[in-house]
Structure formats: structure tokens, C-alpha cells
Protein backbone atom coordinates (compact mmCIF):
# COMPACT_ATOMS: atom_id res chain seq x y z
CA MET A 1 14.77 -68.70 -16.74
CA ALA A 2 12.73 -71.64 -19.24
CA ALA A 3 10.56 -70.69 -21.56
CA GLU A 4 7.52 -72.67 -19.77
CA ASP A 5 8.23 -70.93 -16.90
CA SER A 6 7.56 -67.41 -18.81
CA LEU A 7 4.96 -68.75 -20.55
CA GLY A 8 2.99 -69.70 -17.09
CA ARG A 9 4.42 -66.48 -15.80
CA ALA A 10 2.10 -64.99 -18.75
CA GLU A 11 -0.99 -66.52 -18.17
CA GLU A 12 -0.70 -65.73 -14.78
CA LEU A 13 -0.62 -62.18 -15.55
CA LEU A 14 -3.07 -62.27 -18.23
CA ALA A 15 -5.91 -64.03 -15.39
CA ARG A 16 -4.70 -61.26 -13.21
CA LEU A 17 -5.40 -58.33 -16.38
CA GLU A 18 -9.02 -59.82 -17.30
CA ALA A 19 -10.00 -59.72 -13.59
CA ALA A 20 -9.15 -55.97 -13.67
CA ARG A 21 -10.51 -55.71 -16.58
CA LEU A 22 -14.01 -57.50 -15.86
CA GLU A 23 -13.82 -55.05 -12.82
CA LEU A 24 -13.60 -52.24 -14.63
CA GLU A 25 -16.47 -52.89 -16.65
CA GLN A 26 -18.56 -53.76 -13.50
CA LEU A 27 -17.30 -50.04 -12.50
CA SER A 28 -18.49 -48.64 -15.81
CA GLN A 29 -22.68 -50.30 -15.37
CA GLY A 30 -22.66 -49.41 -12.05
CA GLU A 31 -26.01 -47.11 -11.65
CA GLU A 32 -23.76 -43.76 -10.84
CA GLY A 33 -21.06 -44.45 -13.10
CA GLY A 34 -18.76 -46.29 -10.36
CA SER A 35 -16.06 -44.34 -8.82
CA PRO A 36 -13.49 -42.22 -11.14
CA THR A 37 -10.43 -42.94 -9.01
CA ARG A 38 -10.80 -46.74 -8.79
CA ALA A 39 -11.32 -46.86 -13.08
CA LEU A 40 -8.12 -44.63 -13.61
CA GLU A 41 -6.66 -47.03 -10.75
CA LEU A 42 -7.58 -50.14 -12.76
CA LEU A 43 -6.49 -48.62 -16.02
CA GLY A 44 -2.78 -48.03 -14.57
CA GLU A 45 -2.94 -51.69 -13.64
CA LEU A 46 -4.27 -52.71 -17.00
CA ALA A 47 -1.49 -51.15 -18.47
CA GLU A 48 1.05 -52.57 -16.09
CA LEU A 49 -0.06 -55.94 -16.06
CA ALA A 50 -0.19 -55.63 -20.18
CA LYS A 51 3.59 -55.06 -20.02
CA ALA A 52 3.90 -57.31 -17.86
CA VAL A 53 3.02 -60.17 -19.84
CA GLU A 54 4.79 -58.64 -23.03
CA GLU A 55 7.90 -58.80 -21.26
CA GLU A 56 7.47 -62.41 -20.22
CA LEU A 57 6.21 -63.19 -23.83
CA GLU A 58 9.83 -61.85 -24.78
CA ARG A 59 11.54 -63.56 -22.16
CA ALA A 60 9.75 -66.91 -23.24
CA LYS A 61 10.77 -66.46 -27.02
CA ARG A 62 14.03 -65.92 -26.19
CA ALA A 63 14.25 -68.94 -24.32
CA ALA A 64 12.53 -70.46 -26.77
CA GLU A 65 15.53 -69.79 -29.50
CA ALA A 66 18.25 -70.19 -26.75
CA ASP A 67 17.37 -73.90 -26.65
CA GLU A 68 16.93 -74.31 -30.29
CA GLN A 69 20.31 -73.29 -30.88
CA SER A 70 21.96 -75.21 -28.16
């Protein structure tokens, strides 16, 4: 996978991460404090997305280093 592909995927994941973060923020500002169950789901999703972003950035780094060596 080319570095550009990994970076593009990381950008998509970051957009999803931001959307989940905004939903969590809105949930926390709700009149009744929102749904604790949904908040936990969002926190899990945020953790998974953050890990996926980190993995894509590592792939991009390795691909860029491989391109430099060839």
C-alpha cells in the first residue's frame, strides 16, 4: 500500500473520529446527561478509531521509508 493511500485512509478515520467525538460532546451536554450506554459505545469507538489512525500512519511511514530506499 502506498503512503498516499495510508494517509488518505488515516484522514477518513480522523473524520470519523471527530464525528464520534462531537456526538459524545453533544450527548454530554444533553438535558439529562445523555445515555450512559451510548457514551460508553462512543468511547469504545473513539479508542478503536484512534488505534486505526495510528496503524495507518505507521503504514504510511513504512511505505515512505521503503520508497526512499528504492
